[in-house]
């Protein structure tokens, strides 16, 4: 008799939100891709979600919560570089960003998880770069997009005169 498939998409289980089922199976059960409140993606057997066995990506042990777990990812480096060029006067590129008055919205400045959520919801891919639509505007959800290297080069200040 085939297993009954239960749609868990968008349901919360502790700190996890089920995103979508994967092609993986564990003990015959569907494995779900889940997003943890800390920002990390994890894969959990459906039964472990529904019976309460797994409630986070592992970022909590008792009452101790660790960071988002994305420190060594490309997306985290993009966020950290954005912060550096806008806020650190010792950065080689500060004069072109923070020195010109370009800032970062408060929701992204000290919260990588918020930036991560925006990035994933707006088409982040490892082959794309973070681009500001208005080169004189701040880094904020309404002014940022994911673009190819070519699209970003065309959007640079020195190239606008040729477009």
C-alpha atoms as a PDB file:
ATOM      1  CA  UNK A   1       0.000   0.000   0.000  1.00  0.00           C
ATOM      2  CA  UNK A   2       1.508   3.405  -1.006  1.00  0.00           C
ATOM      3  CA  UNK A   3       2.304   6.036   1.593  1.00  0.00           C
ATOM      4  CA  UNK A   4      -0.193   8.830   2.020  1.00  0.00           C
ATOM      5  CA  UNK A   5       1.421  12.145   1.151  1.00  0.00           C
ATOM      6  CA  UNK A   6       0.547  15.013   3.468  1.00  0.00           C
ATOM      7  CA  UNK A   7       1.202  18.561   2.252  1.00  0.00           C
ATOM      8  CA  UNK A   8       3.294  20.278   4.921  1.00  0.00           C
ATOM      9  CA  UNK A   9       4.232  23.322   2.811  1.00  0.00           C
ATOM     10  CA  UNK A  10       4.191  26.611   4.745  1.00  0.00           C
ATOM     11  CA  UNK A  11       3.405  24.822   8.032  1.00  0.00           C
ATOM     12  CA  UNK A  12       5.523  25.627  11.091  1.00  0.00           C
ATOM     13  CA  UNK A  13       7.122  23.009  13.298  1.00  0.00           C
ATOM     14  CA  UNK A  14       8.912  24.730  16.166  1.00  0.00           C
ATOM     15  CA  UNK A  15      11.450  27.051  14.522  1.00  0.00           C
ATOM     16  CA  UNK A  16      11.111  25.308  11.141  1.00  0.00           C
ATOM     17  CA  UNK A  17       8.846  26.209   8.238  1.00  0.00           C
ATOM     18  CA  UNK A  18       8.365  23.439   5.679  1.00  0.00           C
ATOM     19  CA  UNK A  19       9.141  24.797   2.211  1.00  0.00           C
ATOM     20  CA  UNK A  20       8.823  21.931  -0.259  1.00  0.00           C
ATOM     21  CA  UNK A  21       9.208  18.156  -0.483  1.00  0.00           C
ATOM     22  CA  UNK A  22      12.405  16.814  -2.046  1.00  0.00           C
ATOM     23  CA  UNK A  23      13.048  13.734  -4.138  1.00  0.00           C
ATOM     24  CA  UNK A  24      14.933  12.238  -1.173  1.00  0.00           C
ATOM     25  CA  UNK A  25      13.443   9.486   0.965  1.00  0.00           C
ATOM     26  CA  UNK A  26      14.423   8.378   4.461  1.00  0.00           C
ATOM     27  CA  UNK A  27      12.937   5.118   5.731  1.00  0.00           C
ATOM     28  CA  UNK A  28      10.371   5.461   2.967  1.00  0.00           C
ATOM     29  CA  UNK A  29       9.261   8.865   4.233  1.00  0.00           C
ATOM     30  CA  UNK A  30       9.407  12.117   2.263  1.00  0.00           C
ATOM     31  CA  UNK A  31      12.198  14.501   3.210  1.00  0.00           C
ATOM     32  CA  UNK A  32      11.194  18.174   3.333  1.00  0.00           C
ATOM     33  CA  UNK A  33      13.327  21.240   2.693  1.00  0.00           C
ATOM     34  CA  UNK A  34      12.746  23.532   5.680  1.00  0.00           C
ATOM     35  CA  UNK A  35      13.787  27.066   6.567  1.00  0.00           C
ATOM     36  CA  UNK A  36      14.752  27.643  10.179  1.00  0.00           C
ATOM     37  CA  UNK A  37      14.068  30.954  11.948  1.00  0.00           C
ATOM     38  CA  UNK A  38      17.847  31.421  12.143  1.00  0.00           C
ATOM     39  CA  UNK A  39      18.016  31.514   8.312  1.00  0.00           C
ATOM     40  CA  UNK A  40      19.552  28.105   7.694  1.00  0.00           C
ATOM     41  CA  UNK A  41      17.986  25.624   5.280  1.00  0.00           C
ATOM     42  CA  UNK A  42      17.758  22.039   6.491  1.00  0.00           C
ATOM     43  CA  UNK A  43      16.252  18.756   5.290  1.00  0.00           C
ATOM     44  CA  UNK A  44      13.970  16.834   7.636  1.00  0.00           C
ATOM     45  CA  UNK A  45      11.986  13.624   7.356  1.00  0.00           C
ATOM     46  CA  UNK A  46       8.253  14.367   7.308  1.00  0.00           C
ATOM     47  CA  UNK A  47       7.574  12.114  10.303  1.00  0.00           C
ATOM     48  CA  UNK A  48      10.183  13.955  12.381  1.00  0.00           C
ATOM     49  CA  UNK A  49       8.386  17.229  11.660  1.00  0.00           C
ATOM     50  CA  UNK A  50       4.895  16.003  12.439  1.00  0.00           C
ATOM     51  CA  UNK A  51       5.804  14.116  15.622  1.00  0.00           C
ATOM     52  CA  UNK A  52       7.814  17.054  17.036  1.00  0.00           C
ATOM     53  CA  UNK A  53      11.148  15.196  17.038  1.00  0.00           C
ATOM     54  CA  UNK A  54      12.864  17.923  14.962  1.00  0.00           C
ATOM     55  CA  UNK A  55      12.012  21.550  15.717  1.00  0.00           C
ATOM     56  CA  UNK A  56      15.068  23.440  14.458  1.00  0.00           C
ATOM     57  CA  UNK A  57      18.046  23.054  12.165  1.00  0.00           C
ATOM     58  CA  UNK A  58      20.162  22.311  15.209  1.00  0.00           C
ATOM     59  CA  UNK A  59      20.787  25.943  16.102  1.00  0.00           C
ATOM     60  CA  UNK A  60      19.202  25.441  19.502  1.00  0.00           C
ATOM     61  CA  UNK A  61      20.397  23.103  22.197  1.00  0.00           C
ATOM     62  CA  UNK A  62      18.090  23.573  25.138  1.00  0.00           C
ATOM     63  CA  UNK A  63      17.684  27.328  25.469  1.00  0.00           C
ATOM     64  CA  UNK A  64      20.989  28.194  23.793  1.00  0.00           C
ATOM     65  CA  UNK A  65      20.657  29.633  20.305  1.00  0.00           C
ATOM     66  CA  UNK A  66      23.640  29.874  18.018  1.00  0.00           C
ATOM     67  CA  UNK A  67      23.944  32.184  15.016  1.00  0.00           C
ATOM     68  CA  UNK A  68      22.218  31.715  11.673  1.00  0.00           C
ATOM     69  CA  UNK A  69      24.784  29.176  10.451  1.00  0.00           C
ATOM     70  CA  UNK A  70      25.431  30.932   7.123  1.00  0.00           C
ATOM     71  CA  UNK A  71      28.720  32.624   7.988  1.00  0.00           C
ATOM     72  CA  UNK A  72      30.713  30.727   5.369  1.00  0.00           C
ATOM     73  CA  UNK A  73      28.267  31.197   2.488  1.00  0.00           C
ATOM     74  CA  UNK A  74      28.526  33.476  -0.543  1.00  0.00           C
ATOM     75  CA  UNK A  75      25.357  35.311   0.478  1.00  0.00           C
ATOM     76  CA  UNK A  76      26.829  36.142   3.897  1.00  0.00           C
ATOM     77  CA  UNK A  77      30.008  37.475   2.247  1.00  0.00           C
ATOM     78  CA  UNK A  78      27.875  39.706  -0.009  1.00  0.00           C
ATOM     79  CA  UNK A  79      26.060  41.090   3.059  1.00  0.00           C
ATOM     80  CA  UNK A  80      29.295  41.584   5.034  1.00  0.00           C
ATOM     81  CA  UNK A  81      30.984  43.324   2.079  1.00  0.00           C
ATOM     82  CA  UNK A  82      27.986  45.630   1.670  1.00  0.00           C
ATOM     83  CA  UNK A  83      28.260  46.596   5.348  1.00  0.00           C
ATOM     84  CA  UNK A  84      32.013  47.124   5.145  1.00  0.00           C
ATOM     85  CA  UNK A  85      31.970  49.416   2.124  1.00  0.00           C
ATOM     86  CA  UNK A  86      29.155  51.522   3.606  1.00  0.00           C
ATOM     87  CA  UNK A  87      30.217  51.734   7.259  1.00  0.00           C
ATOM     88  CA  UNK A  88      33.984  51.222   7.570  1.00  0.00           C
ATOM     89  CA  UNK A  89      36.063  54.316   6.738  1.00  0.00           C
ATOM     90  CA  UNK A  90      39.144  52.049   6.544  1.00  0.00           C
ATOM     91  CA  UNK A  91      37.666  50.091   3.628  1.00  0.00           C
ATOM     92  CA  UNK A  92      39.336  50.743   0.267  1.00  0.00           C
ATOM     93  CA  UNK A  93      35.916  51.294  -1.318  1.00  0.00           C
ATOM     94  CA  UNK A  94      34.363  53.392   1.473  1.00  0.00           C
ATOM     95  CA  UNK A  95      34.800  56.648  -0.479  1.00  0.00           C
ATOM     96  CA  UNK A  96      32.612  55.249  -3.291  1.00  0.00           C
ATOM     97  CA  UNK A  97      29.850  54.105  -0.919  1.00  0.00           C
ATOM     98  CA  UNK A  98      29.635  55.262   2.700  1.00  0.00           C
ATOM     99  CA  UNK A  99      31.783  58.282   1.895  1.00  0.00           C
ATOM    100  CA  UNK A 100      29.198  59.386  -0.699  1.00  0.00           C
ATOM    101  CA  UNK A 101      26.379  58.949   1.809  1.00  0.00           C
ATOM    102  CA  UNK A 102      25.169  55.531   0.658  1.00  0.00           C
ATOM    103  CA  UNK A 103      23.810  53.600   3.613  1.00  0.00           C
ATOM    104  CA  UNK A 104      21.987  50.408   4.469  1.00  0.00           C
ATOM    105  CA  UNK A 105      18.406  50.202   5.685  1.00  0.00           C
ATOM    106  CA  UNK A 106      18.023  49.448   9.390  1.00  0.00           C
ATOM    107  CA  UNK A 107      16.356  46.075   8.788  1.00  0.00           C
ATOM    108  CA  UNK A 108      19.480  44.785   6.967  1.00  0.00           C
ATOM    109  CA  UNK A 109      22.241  46.635   8.798  1.00  0.00           C
ATOM    110  CA  UNK A 110      22.479  44.388  11.841  1.00  0.00           C
ATOM    111  CA  UNK A 111      20.329  41.444  10.807  1.00  0.00           C
ATOM    112  CA  UNK A 112      21.679  39.027   8.228  1.00  0.00           C
ATOM    113  CA  UNK A 113      18.544  36.893   8.582  1.00  0.00           C
ATOM    114  CA  UNK A 114      16.352  39.706   7.223  1.00  0.00           C
ATOM    115  CA  UNK A 115      18.755  40.216   4.294  1.00  0.00           C
ATOM    116  CA  UNK A 116      18.738  36.441   3.688  1.00  0.00           C
ATOM    117  CA  UNK A 117      14.936  36.322   3.605  1.00  0.00           C
ATOM    118  CA  UNK A 118      14.800  39.220   1.138  1.00  0.00           C
ATOM    119  CA  UNK A 119      17.515  37.656  -1.039  1.00  0.00           C
ATOM    120  CA  UNK A 120      15.808  34.275  -1.285  1.00  0.00           C
ATOM    121  CA  UNK A 121      12.379  35.827  -1.914  1.00  0.00           C
ATOM    122  CA  UNK A 122      13.819  38.031  -4.681  1.00  0.00           C
ATOM    123  CA  UNK A 123      15.633  35.466  -6.794  1.00  0.00           C
ATOM    124  CA  UNK A 124      19.084  35.126  -5.229  1.00  0.00           C
ATOM    125  CA  UNK A 125      21.296  32.756  -7.192  1.00  0.00           C
ATOM    126  CA  UNK A 126      25.030  32.088  -6.871  1.00  0.00           C
ATOM    127  CA  UNK A 127      25.638  33.455 -10.383  1.00  0.00           C
ATOM    128  CA  UNK A 128      24.040  36.848  -9.621  1.00  0.00           C
ATOM    129  CA  UNK A 129      25.358  39.951  -7.876  1.00  0.00           C
ATOM    130  CA  UNK A 130      23.679  42.497  -5.597  1.00  0.00           C
ATOM    131  CA  UNK A 131      22.886  45.637  -7.563  1.00  0.00           C
ATOM    132  CA  UNK A 132      21.274  48.940  -6.588  1.00  0.00           C
ATOM    133  CA  UNK A 133      18.740  50.140  -9.163  1.00  0.00           C
ATOM    134  CA  UNK A 134      19.568  53.754  -8.300  1.00  0.00           C
ATOM    135  CA  UNK A 135      23.345  53.973  -7.928  1.00  0.00           C
ATOM    136  CA  UNK A 136      22.969  56.974  -5.619  1.00  0.00           C
ATOM    137  CA  UNK A 137      20.387  55.241  -3.412  1.00  0.00           C
ATOM    138  CA  UNK A 138      20.827  53.159  -0.291  1.00  0.00           C
ATOM    139  CA  UNK A 139      20.947  49.411   0.049  1.00  0.00           C
ATOM    140  CA  UNK A 140      17.303  48.651   0.832  1.00  0.00           C
ATOM    141  CA  UNK A 141      14.673  46.233  -0.456  1.00  0.00           C
ATOM    142  CA  UNK A 142      13.057  48.711  -2.852  1.00  0.00           C
ATOM    143  CA  UNK A 143      16.358  49.769  -4.418  1.00  0.00           C
ATOM    144  CA  UNK A 144      18.142  46.422  -4.716  1.00  0.00           C
ATOM    145  CA  UNK A 145      17.925  43.553  -7.145  1.00  0.00           C
ATOM    146  CA  UNK A 146      19.921  40.507  -8.200  1.00  0.00           C
ATOM    147  CA  UNK A 147      21.643  41.099 -11.520  1.00  0.00           C
ATOM    148  CA  UNK A 148      24.172  39.450 -13.813  1.00  0.00           C
ATOM    149  CA  UNK A 149      27.682  40.899 -13.979  1.00  0.00           C
ATOM    150  CA  UNK A 150      26.818  42.440 -17.340  1.00  0.00           C
ATOM    151  CA  UNK A 151      23.635  44.119 -16.036  1.00  0.00           C
ATOM    152  CA  UNK A 152      25.560  45.496 -13.097  1.00  0.00           C
ATOM    153  CA  UNK A 153      28.371  46.869 -15.265  1.00  0.00           C
ATOM    154  CA  UNK A 154      25.830  48.764 -17.382  1.00  0.00           C
ATOM    155  CA  UNK A 155      24.287  50.237 -14.210  1.00  0.00           C
ATOM    156  CA  UNK A 156      27.586  51.712 -12.949  1.00  0.00           C
ATOM    157  CA  UNK A 157      27.853  55.501 -12.655  1.00  0.00           C
ATOM    158  CA  UNK A 158      30.574  55.836 -15.299  1.00  0.00           C
ATOM    159  CA  UNK A 159      28.564  53.754 -17.815  1.00  0.00           C
ATOM    160  CA  UNK A 160      25.251  55.611 -17.510  1.00  0.00           C
ATOM    161  CA  UNK A 161      26.312  58.224 -20.043  1.00  0.00           C
ATOM    162  CA  UNK A 162      26.482  55.520 -22.763  1.00  0.00           C
ATOM    163  CA  UNK A 163      23.099  53.906 -22.066  1.00  0.00           C
END
